[in-house]
């Protein structure tokens, strides 16, 4: 997946998600949403359904939540940069 400053990759075992499983992705930080979106796309490719995303900190002004729509996003702390 592409980042603002380059690219990166995510990997997961094929059997990590059962077809039809509902998954909540949990991460420490939501900035632009690129990494979370890539993880969600990977889960969907394996047949999982994204139930939502949960973050410890969200940098609201970077708009990452918009990239994860229409899925719900929960953040413990919302920080305006």
N, C-alpha and C. Protein backbone atom coordinates (compact mmCIF):
# COMPACT_ATOMS: atom_id res chain seq x y z
N UNK A 1 0.84 -1.17 0.00
CA UNK A 1 0.00 0.00 0.00
C UNK A 1 0.88 1.23 0.00
N UNK A 2 0.34 2.33 -0.50
CA UNK A 2 1.11 3.56 -0.63
C UNK A 2 0.96 4.43 0.61
N UNK A 3 2.07 5.04 1.00
CA UNK A 3 2.10 6.00 2.09
C UNK A 3 2.36 7.38 1.50
N UNK A 4 2.23 8.39 2.31
CA UNK A 4 2.50 9.75 1.83
C UNK A 4 3.97 9.91 1.46
N UNK A 5 4.83 9.09 2.06
CA UNK A 5 6.27 9.23 1.89
C UNK A 5 6.93 7.98 1.30
N UNK A 6 6.15 7.08 0.71
CA UNK A 6 6.71 5.86 0.14
C UNK A 6 5.66 4.77 0.06
N UNK A 7 6.10 3.54 0.29
CA UNK A 7 5.16 2.42 0.28
C UNK A 7 5.58 1.40 1.33
N UNK A 8 4.67 0.50 1.65
CA UNK A 8 4.92 -0.54 2.65
C UNK A 8 4.06 -1.74 2.30
N UNK A 9 4.20 -2.81 3.05
CA UNK A 9 3.38 -3.99 2.79
C UNK A 9 2.89 -4.59 4.10
N UNK A 10 1.76 -5.26 4.03
CA UNK A 10 1.18 -5.99 5.16
C UNK A 10 1.02 -7.44 4.75
N UNK A 11 1.20 -8.34 5.72
CA UNK A 11 1.02 -9.76 5.45
C UNK A 11 0.21 -10.38 6.57
N UNK A 12 -0.54 -11.42 6.22
CA UNK A 12 -1.31 -12.17 7.21
C UNK A 12 -1.44 -13.61 6.70
N UNK A 13 -1.48 -14.56 7.61
CA UNK A 13 -1.67 -15.95 7.21
C UNK A 13 -3.04 -16.12 6.57
N UNK A 14 -3.13 -16.97 5.56
CA UNK A 14 -4.41 -17.19 4.87
C UNK A 14 -5.50 -17.68 5.81
N UNK A 15 -5.11 -18.43 6.85
CA UNK A 15 -6.10 -18.99 7.77
C UNK A 15 -6.34 -18.11 9.00
N UNK A 16 -5.86 -16.88 8.98
CA UNK A 16 -6.01 -15.99 10.14
C UNK A 16 -7.45 -15.50 10.31
N UNK A 17 -8.21 -15.48 9.24
CA UNK A 17 -9.59 -14.99 9.28
C UNK A 17 -10.49 -16.02 8.62
N UNK A 18 -11.50 -16.45 9.34
CA UNK A 18 -12.48 -17.37 8.76
C UNK A 18 -13.44 -16.60 7.87
N UNK A 19 -13.83 -17.20 6.76
CA UNK A 19 -14.77 -16.56 5.84
C UNK A 19 -16.04 -16.18 6.60
N UNK A 20 -16.46 -14.93 6.47
CA UNK A 20 -17.66 -14.45 7.13
C UNK A 20 -17.44 -13.92 8.54
N UNK A 21 -16.22 -14.02 9.07
CA UNK A 21 -15.94 -13.50 10.41
C UNK A 21 -16.02 -11.98 10.43
N UNK A 22 -16.59 -11.46 11.51
CA UNK A 22 -16.61 -10.01 11.72
C UNK A 22 -15.36 -9.64 12.52
N UNK A 23 -14.63 -8.63 12.04
CA UNK A 23 -13.33 -8.29 12.62
C UNK A 23 -13.32 -6.82 13.01
N UNK A 24 -12.83 -6.54 14.22
CA UNK A 24 -12.53 -5.17 14.64
C UNK A 24 -11.02 -5.03 14.60
N UNK A 25 -10.53 -4.10 13.81
CA UNK A 25 -9.09 -3.85 13.73
C UNK A 25 -8.70 -2.84 14.80
N UNK A 26 -7.66 -3.15 15.56
CA UNK A 26 -7.21 -2.30 16.66
C UNK A 26 -5.78 -1.86 16.39
N UNK A 27 -5.53 -0.56 16.53
CA UNK A 27 -4.19 -0.01 16.30
C UNK A 27 -3.96 1.12 17.30
N UNK A 28 -2.71 1.53 17.44
CA UNK A 28 -2.41 2.58 18.41
C UNK A 28 -2.75 3.98 17.89
N UNK A 29 -2.57 4.23 16.59
CA UNK A 29 -2.69 5.59 16.07
C UNK A 29 -3.43 5.62 14.74
N UNK A 30 -4.37 6.55 14.61
CA UNK A 30 -5.01 6.84 13.33
C UNK A 30 -4.56 8.22 12.90
N UNK A 31 -3.82 8.27 11.80
CA UNK A 31 -3.38 9.54 11.24
C UNK A 31 -4.12 9.74 9.91
N UNK A 32 -3.53 9.33 8.81
CA UNK A 32 -4.18 9.49 7.51
C UNK A 32 -5.10 8.33 7.16
N UNK A 33 -4.97 7.22 7.87
CA UNK A 33 -5.84 6.07 7.64
C UNK A 33 -5.31 5.06 6.63
N UNK A 34 -4.15 5.32 6.04
CA UNK A 34 -3.63 4.44 5.01
C UNK A 34 -3.34 3.02 5.48
N UNK A 35 -2.69 2.89 6.63
CA UNK A 35 -2.36 1.56 7.14
C UNK A 35 -3.61 0.81 7.55
N UNK A 36 -4.52 1.47 8.24
CA UNK A 36 -5.77 0.82 8.67
C UNK A 36 -6.60 0.40 7.46
N UNK A 37 -6.67 1.24 6.44
CA UNK A 37 -7.41 0.90 5.22
C UNK A 37 -6.80 -0.31 4.54
N UNK A 38 -5.47 -0.36 4.46
CA UNK A 38 -4.79 -1.50 3.84
C UNK A 38 -5.06 -2.78 4.63
N UNK A 39 -5.04 -2.69 5.95
CA UNK A 39 -5.34 -3.87 6.78
C UNK A 39 -6.78 -4.31 6.58
N UNK A 40 -7.70 -3.37 6.52
CA UNK A 40 -9.11 -3.70 6.28
C UNK A 40 -9.33 -4.34 4.93
N UNK A 41 -8.64 -3.83 3.91
CA UNK A 41 -8.75 -4.42 2.57
C UNK A 41 -8.22 -5.85 2.56
N UNK A 42 -7.16 -6.09 3.31
CA UNK A 42 -6.59 -7.44 3.39
C UNK A 42 -7.55 -8.40 4.09
N UNK A 43 -8.17 -7.95 5.18
CA UNK A 43 -9.16 -8.78 5.88
C UNK A 43 -10.33 -9.11 4.95
N UNK A 44 -10.81 -8.10 4.21
CA UNK A 44 -11.92 -8.32 3.28
C UNK A 44 -11.52 -9.30 2.17
N UNK A 45 -10.29 -9.22 1.70
CA UNK A 45 -9.81 -10.13 0.66
C UNK A 45 -9.81 -11.57 1.15
N UNK A 46 -9.61 -11.76 2.46
CA UNK A 46 -9.63 -13.10 3.05
C UNK A 46 -11.04 -13.58 3.37
N UNK A 47 -12.04 -12.73 3.10
CA UNK A 47 -13.42 -13.13 3.34
C UNK A 47 -14.00 -12.64 4.65
N UNK A 48 -13.24 -11.83 5.38
CA UNK A 48 -13.74 -11.26 6.63
C UNK A 48 -14.56 -10.01 6.39
N UNK A 49 -15.33 -9.65 7.38
CA UNK A 49 -16.15 -8.43 7.32
C UNK A 49 -15.64 -7.46 8.38
N UNK A 50 -15.35 -6.23 7.99
CA UNK A 50 -14.86 -5.24 8.94
C UNK A 50 -16.04 -4.73 9.76
N UNK A 51 -15.99 -4.99 11.07
CA UNK A 51 -17.04 -4.50 11.98
C UNK A 51 -16.72 -3.09 12.46
N UNK A 52 -15.46 -2.69 12.39
CA UNK A 52 -15.06 -1.36 12.79
C UNK A 52 -13.57 -1.29 13.07
N UNK A 53 -13.14 -0.09 13.39
CA UNK A 53 -11.73 0.18 13.70
C UNK A 53 -11.67 0.86 15.06
N UNK A 54 -10.66 0.51 15.85
CA UNK A 54 -10.49 1.09 17.18
C UNK A 54 -9.04 1.56 17.33
N UNK A 55 -8.87 2.79 17.82
CA UNK A 55 -7.54 3.38 17.97
C UNK A 55 -7.39 3.97 19.36
N UNK A 56 -6.17 3.98 19.85
CA UNK A 56 -5.89 4.66 21.11
C UNK A 56 -5.92 6.17 20.89
N UNK A 57 -5.24 6.64 19.84
CA UNK A 57 -5.16 8.08 19.54
C UNK A 57 -5.54 8.32 18.08
N UNK A 58 -6.34 9.36 17.86
CA UNK A 58 -6.70 9.78 16.51
C UNK A 58 -6.26 11.22 16.31
N UNK A 59 -5.50 11.48 15.25
CA UNK A 59 -5.13 12.84 14.86
C UNK A 59 -6.21 13.33 13.90
N UNK A 60 -7.21 14.01 14.44
CA UNK A 60 -8.44 14.29 13.70
C UNK A 60 -8.23 15.15 12.45
N UNK A 61 -7.32 16.08 12.49
CA UNK A 61 -7.15 17.01 11.37
C UNK A 61 -6.55 16.36 10.12
N UNK A 62 -6.06 15.12 10.25
CA UNK A 62 -5.48 14.44 9.09
C UNK A 62 -6.52 13.65 8.30
N UNK A 63 -7.74 13.55 8.83
CA UNK A 63 -8.85 12.98 8.07
C UNK A 63 -8.84 11.48 7.86
N UNK A 64 -8.13 10.74 8.67
CA UNK A 64 -8.07 9.29 8.50
C UNK A 64 -9.40 8.60 8.62
N UNK A 65 -10.28 9.12 9.46
CA UNK A 65 -11.60 8.50 9.65
C UNK A 65 -12.38 8.46 8.33
N UNK A 66 -12.23 9.49 7.52
CA UNK A 66 -12.93 9.53 6.22
C UNK A 66 -12.51 8.40 5.31
N UNK A 67 -11.24 8.01 5.37
CA UNK A 67 -10.73 6.94 4.51
C UNK A 67 -11.31 5.58 4.90
N UNK A 68 -11.79 5.46 6.15
CA UNK A 68 -12.29 4.18 6.65
C UNK A 68 -13.81 4.06 6.55
N UNK A 69 -14.46 5.07 6.04
CA UNK A 69 -15.91 5.06 5.87
C UNK A 69 -16.31 3.95 4.92
N UNK A 70 -17.40 3.29 5.11
CA UNK A 70 -18.52 3.57 6.01
C UNK A 70 -18.43 2.84 7.35
N UNK A 71 -17.26 2.27 7.67
CA UNK A 71 -17.13 1.50 8.90
C UNK A 71 -17.01 2.42 10.11
N UNK A 72 -17.53 1.99 11.27
CA UNK A 72 -17.40 2.81 12.47
C UNK A 72 -15.95 2.90 12.93
N UNK A 73 -15.60 4.04 13.48
CA UNK A 73 -14.25 4.27 14.02
C UNK A 73 -14.40 4.75 15.46
N UNK A 74 -13.72 4.07 16.38
CA UNK A 74 -13.71 4.47 17.79
C UNK A 74 -12.29 4.86 18.17
N UNK A 75 -12.15 5.97 18.88
CA UNK A 75 -10.84 6.43 19.34
C UNK A 75 -10.95 6.80 20.81
N UNK A 76 -9.96 6.39 21.60
CA UNK A 76 -9.95 6.73 23.02
C UNK A 76 -9.66 8.21 23.19
N UNK A 77 -8.67 8.72 22.44
CA UNK A 77 -8.28 10.13 22.51
C UNK A 77 -8.33 10.71 21.10
N UNK A 78 -9.02 11.83 20.94
CA UNK A 78 -9.03 12.55 19.66
C UNK A 78 -8.21 13.82 19.86
N UNK A 79 -7.14 13.94 19.08
CA UNK A 79 -6.20 15.03 19.24
C UNK A 79 -6.22 15.90 17.98
N UNK A 80 -6.44 17.20 18.17
CA UNK A 80 -6.40 18.14 17.05
C UNK A 80 -4.99 18.69 16.93
N UNK A 81 -4.37 18.45 15.78
CA UNK A 81 -2.98 18.85 15.54
C UNK A 81 -2.88 20.35 15.46
